[in-house]
Amino acid sequence: MIVRDRPSVWQLFVIYRLSILRQIVWQVLSVAAFSAWVVAASQRWPATFRSFSVAPFTLLGIALSIFLGFRNSACYERWWEARRQLGALIGVQRSLARLTRQTAPDSDQALAENAILHQIAYTYSLMAHLRDQPTPAEAAAYALPPPASAVTLRNLPDSMLQQLAAVYASMMRRGNFGEMLYCRFDERLTELAAIQVACERIKGTPTPFTYTLLLHRTAYAFCFLLPFGLAQTFHYGTILFCSLVAYAFFGLDTLGDDLQEPFGNGLNALPLSAMARTVEISLLQILGRTPLPLPLQPIDSILR
């Protein structure tokens, strides 16, 4: 995720590395080059180009703008829902850790601490699972020992939740707390499972491909046909105007592609590693551990 101070007015026009332009520069240059060819052709054969009117392009541009607006709203909703779910994850992890720390009897303090550390491992494992990355070293360092019957699992975070549930069930069976308190632990684990399912749903259900394909085709058709309607009116100003239109339409289209993958590795993806570090710091603080790890900081204005 891009994290930087608000740029000044002059910086807005020169920022390139963190802008969407670097992803669409070839599309914009292609439209500019094609527009230059159309303008040159209109100067050579003016009678042919007088038959083109800008009215159809106006109607098509309005329709395309509406479609892009709807798609980007849907993509941003996916991004924002993912952010809400991960924010809730941090809250539930803190609540479960406090409950575990405060209610565990002295005889089970070591097991309770290991359960809280296992929560940290679960968080790192879930973030790696959402990014389709190998389980990080932090997960192995904090996790409870796997059961002897463990096999290769496709959903490691879900298995880690089952281990946590087994810990609280064993504490209840030993009489360390009653069923009412166990229900509170189970509620927190259920909330964690619901958050994981919601994140997996967002990750596994992209926006409909046919809708995206329709917008891609319409944007290309509009940007490459527009010079024919403007060449006789704006002459060489058509190149600049069509380039700006291509920047707007291709930029919005590409931004929608970025936002619909909130767990990816793009510039606008959510900072999963930083969120996992936040959970680690919070839970270690509940345990009274020192020194605490430092929060992750943006590198070149990018927070991962």
Protein backbone atom coordinates (compact mmCIF):
# COMPACT_ATOMS: atom_id res chain seq x y z
CA MET A 1 0.00 0.00 0.00
CA ILE A 2 1.27 3.47 -0.89
CA VAL A 3 2.02 5.52 2.23
CA ARG A 4 3.37 9.01 1.65
CA ASP A 5 2.65 12.64 2.45
CA ARG A 6 0.18 14.51 0.32
CA PRO A 7 2.11 15.86 -2.68
CA SER A 8 2.17 19.54 -3.56
CA VAL A 9 0.43 20.90 -6.63
CA TRP A 10 3.66 20.83 -8.64
CA GLN A 11 4.55 17.32 -7.48
CA LEU A 12 1.20 16.03 -8.74
CA PHE A 13 2.36 16.54 -12.31
CA VAL A 14 5.81 14.95 -11.99
CA ILE A 15 5.18 11.86 -9.81
CA TYR A 16 5.72 8.80 -11.97
CA ARG A 17 6.97 5.81 -9.92
CA LEU A 18 3.90 5.63 -7.65
CA SER A 19 1.36 6.70 -10.25
CA ILE A 20 -0.87 4.56 -12.42
CA LEU A 21 0.81 6.08 -15.49
CA ARG A 22 3.78 3.73 -15.28
CA GLN A 23 1.42 0.78 -15.81
CA ILE A 24 -0.42 2.31 -18.79
CA VAL A 25 2.32 4.37 -20.42
CA TRP A 26 2.45 2.16 -23.52
CA GLN A 27 -1.31 2.34 -24.05
CA VAL A 28 -1.22 6.13 -23.79
CA LEU A 29 1.76 6.39 -26.15
CA SER A 30 0.03 4.06 -28.62
CA VAL A 31 -3.07 6.25 -28.64
CA ALA A 32 -0.91 9.36 -29.06
CA ALA A 33 0.98 7.83 -31.99
CA PHE A 34 -2.22 6.64 -33.65
CA SER A 35 -3.79 10.07 -33.13
CA ALA A 36 -0.80 11.70 -34.83
CA TRP A 37 -1.23 9.37 -37.82
CA VAL A 38 -4.98 10.15 -38.04
CA VAL A 39 -4.32 13.90 -37.89
CA ALA A 40 -1.70 13.63 -40.63
CA ALA A 41 -4.12 11.59 -42.75
CA SER A 42 -6.88 14.15 -42.20
CA GLN A 43 -4.54 16.88 -43.47
CA ARG A 44 -3.81 14.85 -46.60
CA TRP A 45 -7.40 13.74 -47.32
CA PRO A 46 -9.62 16.39 -45.66
CA ALA A 47 -12.74 15.53 -47.67
CA THR A 48 -12.82 11.99 -46.25
CA PHE A 49 -12.59 13.12 -42.63
CA ARG A 50 -15.32 15.78 -42.83
CA SER A 51 -17.90 12.99 -42.73
CA PHE A 52 -16.93 12.04 -39.15
CA SER A 53 -18.96 13.55 -36.32
CA VAL A 54 -18.03 13.77 -32.63
CA ALA A 55 -21.61 13.10 -31.42
CA PRO A 56 -21.40 9.26 -31.42
CA PHE A 57 -18.16 9.42 -29.44
CA THR A 58 -19.81 11.66 -26.86
CA LEU A 59 -22.57 9.10 -26.25
CA LEU A 60 -20.10 6.20 -26.14
CA GLY A 61 -17.82 8.13 -23.76
CA ILE A 62 -20.68 8.79 -21.35
CA ALA A 63 -21.68 5.11 -21.35
CA LEU A 64 -18.07 4.01 -20.87
CA SER A 65 -17.63 6.44 -17.97
CA ILE A 66 -20.69 5.03 -16.23
CA PHE A 67 -19.51 1.43 -16.71
CA LEU A 68 -16.03 2.28 -15.40
CA GLY A 69 -17.56 4.02 -12.41
CA PHE A 70 -19.66 0.98 -11.54
CA ARG A 71 -16.72 -1.39 -11.92
CA ASN A 72 -14.36 0.73 -9.86
CA SER A 73 -16.99 1.06 -7.14
CA ALA A 74 -17.33 -2.72 -7.04
CA CYS A 75 -13.54 -3.20 -6.93
CA TYR A 76 -13.11 -0.60 -4.20
CA GLU A 77 -15.88 -2.27 -2.20
CA ARG A 78 -13.88 -5.53 -2.34
CA TRP A 79 -10.75 -3.67 -1.18
CA TRP A 80 -12.59 -1.90 1.65
CA GLU A 81 -14.35 -5.06 2.82
CA ALA A 82 -10.97 -6.83 2.98
CA ARG A 83 -9.59 -3.93 5.03
CA ARG A 84 -12.55 -4.13 7.41
CA GLN A 85 -12.14 -7.87 7.86
CA LEU A 86 -8.43 -7.56 8.65
CA GLY A 87 -9.12 -4.72 11.05
CA ALA A 88 -11.65 -6.94 12.82
CA LEU A 89 -9.02 -9.70 12.90
CA ILE A 90 -6.68 -7.47 14.91
CA GLY A 91 -9.47 -6.64 17.37
CA VAL A 92 -10.55 -10.26 17.87
CA GLN A 93 -6.96 -11.40 18.36
CA ARG A 94 -6.41 -8.82 21.09
CA SER A 95 -9.70 -9.71 22.77
CA LEU A 96 -8.95 -13.44 22.74
CA ALA A 97 -5.44 -12.90 24.09
CA ARG A 98 -6.69 -10.72 26.97
CA LEU A 99 -9.37 -13.27 27.83
CA THR A 100 -6.84 -16.10 27.78
CA ARG A 101 -4.31 -14.20 29.87
CA GLN A 102 -6.79 -13.08 32.52
CA THR A 103 -8.78 -16.28 33.00
CA ALA A 104 -6.13 -19.01 32.78
CA PRO A 105 -5.33 -20.48 36.23
CA ASP A 106 -1.77 -20.49 37.55
CA SER A 107 -1.42 -24.18 36.70
CA ASP A 108 -2.10 -23.45 33.02
CA GLN A 109 -0.24 -20.16 32.58
CA ALA A 110 2.44 -21.76 30.40
CA LEU A 111 -0.18 -23.36 28.15
CA ALA A 112 -2.11 -20.07 27.98
CA GLU A 113 1.02 -18.18 26.92
CA ASN A 114 1.73 -20.77 24.26
CA ALA A 115 -1.86 -20.39 23.01
CA ILE A 116 -1.41 -16.62 22.69
CA LEU A 117 1.87 -17.11 20.83
CA HIS A 118 0.01 -19.57 18.59
CA GLN A 119 -2.40 -16.74 17.74
CA ILE A 120 0.55 -14.78 16.38
CA ALA A 121 1.61 -17.77 14.30
CA TYR A 122 -1.97 -18.11 13.02
CA THR A 123 -2.00 -14.47 11.90
CA TYR A 124 1.26 -14.78 9.96
CA SER A 125 0.07 -18.06 8.48
CA LEU A 126 -3.23 -16.52 7.37
CA MET A 127 -1.50 -13.58 5.68
CA ALA A 128 0.79 -15.94 3.78
CA HIS A 129 -2.21 -18.09 2.86
CA LEU A 130 -4.04 -15.08 1.40
CA ARG A 131 -0.97 -14.11 -0.64
CA ASP A 132 -0.24 -17.68 -1.80
CA GLN A 133 3.19 -17.47 -0.21
CA PRO A 134 5.13 -20.02 1.87
CA THR A 135 4.53 -19.96 5.61
CA PRO A 136 6.91 -17.36 7.10
CA ALA A 137 9.48 -18.09 9.77
CA GLU A 138 7.48 -16.13 12.37
CA ALA A 139 4.66 -18.68 12.14
CA ALA A 140 7.00 -21.58 12.85
CA ALA A 141 8.64 -19.70 15.75
CA TYR A 142 5.39 -19.03 17.62
CA ALA A 143 3.23 -22.03 16.69
CA LEU A 144 2.26 -24.86 18.99
CA PRO A 145 3.80 -28.24 18.08
CA PRO A 146 1.66 -29.90 15.41
CA PRO A 147 -0.16 -33.10 16.37
CA ALA A 148 1.62 -36.35 15.67
CA SER A 149 -1.01 -37.32 13.11
CA ALA A 150 -0.60 -34.09 11.13
CA VAL A 151 -0.30 -34.44 7.38
CA THR A 152 0.33 -31.92 4.63
CA LEU A 153 -2.58 -29.51 4.79
CA ARG A 154 -3.98 -27.28 2.10
CA ASN A 155 -5.42 -24.84 4.63
CA LEU A 156 -2.86 -24.42 7.39
CA PRO A 157 -4.60 -21.48 9.13
CA ASP A 158 -7.77 -23.53 9.61
CA SER A 159 -5.74 -26.36 11.12
CA MET A 160 -4.09 -23.89 13.50
CA LEU A 161 -7.51 -22.69 14.66
CA GLN A 162 -8.42 -26.31 15.40
CA GLN A 163 -5.28 -26.57 17.55
CA LEU A 164 -6.36 -23.50 19.52
CA ALA A 165 -9.84 -24.96 20.01
CA ALA A 166 -8.27 -28.18 21.30
CA VAL A 167 -6.23 -26.19 23.85
CA TYR A 168 -9.28 -24.48 25.32
CA ALA A 169 -11.28 -27.71 25.28
CA SER A 170 -8.54 -29.50 27.23
CA MET A 171 -8.44 -26.69 29.80
CA MET A 172 -12.20 -26.97 30.26
CA ARG A 173 -12.08 -30.75 30.63
CA ARG A 174 -9.49 -30.36 33.41
CA GLY A 175 -11.94 -28.15 35.26
CA ASN A 176 -9.91 -24.94 34.95
CA PHE A 177 -13.01 -23.04 33.81
CA GLY A 178 -16.66 -23.80 33.19
CA GLU A 179 -18.74 -24.15 30.06
CA MET A 180 -19.86 -20.51 30.13
CA LEU A 181 -16.29 -19.27 29.90
CA TYR A 182 -15.48 -21.87 27.29
CA CYS A 183 -18.35 -20.48 25.20
CA ARG A 184 -16.66 -17.09 25.23
CA PHE A 185 -13.46 -18.63 23.92
CA ASP A 186 -15.42 -20.50 21.28
CA GLU A 187 -17.14 -17.28 20.20
CA ARG A 188 -13.77 -15.62 19.58
CA LEU A 189 -12.53 -18.61 17.60
CA THR A 190 -15.75 -18.58 15.58
CA GLU A 191 -15.18 -14.90 14.81
CA LEU A 192 -11.64 -15.67 13.63
CA ALA A 193 -12.97 -18.47 11.42
CA ALA A 194 -15.63 -16.15 9.97
CA ILE A 195 -13.01 -13.50 9.17
CA GLN A 196 -10.83 -16.10 7.46
CA VAL A 197 -13.76 -17.35 5.39
CA ALA A 198 -14.68 -13.80 4.38
CA CYS A 199 -11.09 -13.11 3.26
CA GLU A 200 -10.98 -16.39 1.33
CA ARG A 201 -14.29 -15.49 -0.32
CA ILE A 202 -12.93 -12.12 -1.43
CA LYS A 203 -9.73 -13.72 -2.70
CA GLY A 204 -11.51 -16.55 -4.53
CA THR A 205 -14.33 -14.55 -6.12
CA PRO A 206 -13.00 -11.95 -8.58
CA THR A 207 -15.22 -9.56 -10.49
CA PRO A 208 -16.90 -11.27 -13.48
CA PHE A 209 -14.43 -11.72 -16.34
CA THR A 210 -16.99 -10.93 -19.04
CA TYR A 211 -17.69 -7.53 -17.44
CA THR A 212 -13.98 -6.75 -17.30
CA LEU A 213 -13.49 -7.90 -20.91
CA LEU A 214 -16.38 -5.71 -22.09
CA LEU A 215 -14.82 -2.64 -20.48
CA HIS A 216 -11.35 -3.43 -21.87
CA ARG A 217 -12.67 -3.75 -25.41
CA THR A 218 -14.88 -0.67 -25.17
CA ALA A 219 -12.06 1.46 -23.75
CA TYR A 220 -9.67 0.45 -26.54
CA ALA A 221 -12.33 0.96 -29.23
CA PHE A 222 -13.25 4.40 -27.91
CA CYS A 223 -9.67 5.67 -27.53
CA PHE A 224 -8.60 4.50 -31.01
CA LEU A 225 -11.75 5.74 -32.77
CA LEU A 226 -11.92 9.14 -31.04
CA PRO A 227 -9.16 10.76 -33.20
CA PHE A 228 -11.33 10.31 -36.31
CA GLY A 229 -14.02 12.54 -34.76
CA LEU A 230 -11.63 15.25 -33.54
CA ALA A 231 -8.94 15.47 -36.22
CA GLN A 232 -10.76 18.06 -38.39
CA THR A 233 -11.70 20.22 -35.38
CA PHE A 234 -8.67 20.16 -33.07
CA HIS A 235 -6.02 19.27 -35.64
CA TYR A 236 -2.75 18.46 -33.80
CA GLY A 237 -4.40 19.29 -30.48
CA THR A 238 -6.17 15.95 -31.01
CA ILE A 239 -2.98 14.16 -29.93
CA LEU A 240 -2.98 15.80 -26.50
CA PHE A 241 -6.72 15.48 -25.99
CA CYS A 242 -6.84 11.78 -26.95
CA SER A 243 -3.82 11.06 -24.76
CA LEU A 244 -5.58 12.62 -21.76
CA VAL A 245 -8.72 10.61 -22.46
CA ALA A 246 -6.65 7.42 -22.76
CA TYR A 247 -4.88 8.23 -19.49
CA ALA A 248 -8.23 8.64 -17.72
CA PHE A 249 -9.96 5.56 -19.12
CA PHE A 250 -6.99 3.16 -19.11
CA GLY A 251 -5.93 4.48 -15.70
CA LEU A 252 -9.34 3.86 -14.13
CA ASP A 253 -9.47 0.43 -15.73
CA THR A 254 -6.03 -0.52 -14.40
CA LEU A 255 -6.78 0.92 -10.96
CA GLY A 256 -9.87 -1.30 -10.81
CA ASP A 257 -7.68 -4.31 -11.59
CA ASP A 258 -5.39 -3.36 -8.68
CA LEU A 259 -8.19 -2.80 -6.18
CA GLN A 260 -9.93 -6.09 -6.94
CA GLU A 261 -6.83 -7.92 -5.61
CA PRO A 262 -6.56 -6.52 -2.05
CA PHE A 263 -4.33 -9.41 -0.90
CA GLY A 264 -1.92 -9.26 -3.83
CA ASN A 265 1.50 -7.66 -4.17
CA GLY A 266 0.49 -4.55 -6.11
CA LEU A 267 1.14 -1.00 -4.99
CA ASN A 268 -2.45 -0.64 -3.79
CA ALA A 269 -2.69 -4.02 -2.05
CA LEU A 270 -3.27 -4.15 1.69
CA PRO A 271 -0.17 -4.24 3.93
CA LEU A 272 -0.67 -7.76 5.27
CA SER A 273 2.83 -8.08 6.73
CA ALA A 274 2.47 -4.79 8.60
CA MET A 275 -0.91 -5.90 10.00
CA ALA A 276 0.54 -9.22 11.13
CA ARG A 277 3.36 -7.32 12.87
CA THR A 278 0.72 -5.18 14.61
CA VAL A 279 -0.92 -8.33 15.99
CA GLU A 280 2.47 -9.66 17.08
CA ILE A 281 3.31 -6.47 18.98
CA SER A 282 -0.12 -6.32 20.65
CA LEU A 283 -0.10 -9.92 21.83
CA LEU A 284 3.50 -9.86 23.04
CA GLN A 285 2.64 -6.73 24.99
CA ILE A 286 -0.29 -8.55 26.62
CA LEU A 287 2.17 -11.26 27.65
CA GLY A 288 4.52 -8.64 29.04
CA ARG A 289 7.37 -9.61 26.71
CA THR A 290 10.21 -7.20 26.05
CA PRO A 291 11.72 -5.94 23.91
CA LEU A 292 8.83 -5.64 21.46
CA PRO A 293 9.46 -5.79 17.70
CA LEU A 294 9.18 -2.50 15.86
CA PRO A 295 6.24 -1.81 13.54
CA LEU A 296 7.04 -2.26 9.86
CA GLN A 297 7.80 1.01 8.09
CA PRO A 298 7.23 1.93 4.43
CA ILE A 299 10.15 1.31 2.12
CA ASP A 300 10.25 3.83 -0.72
CA SER A 301 6.71 4.87 0.28
CA ILE A 302 5.43 1.27 -0.01
CA LEU A 303 4.13 -0.55 3.07
CA ARG A 304 3.90 -4.31 2.62
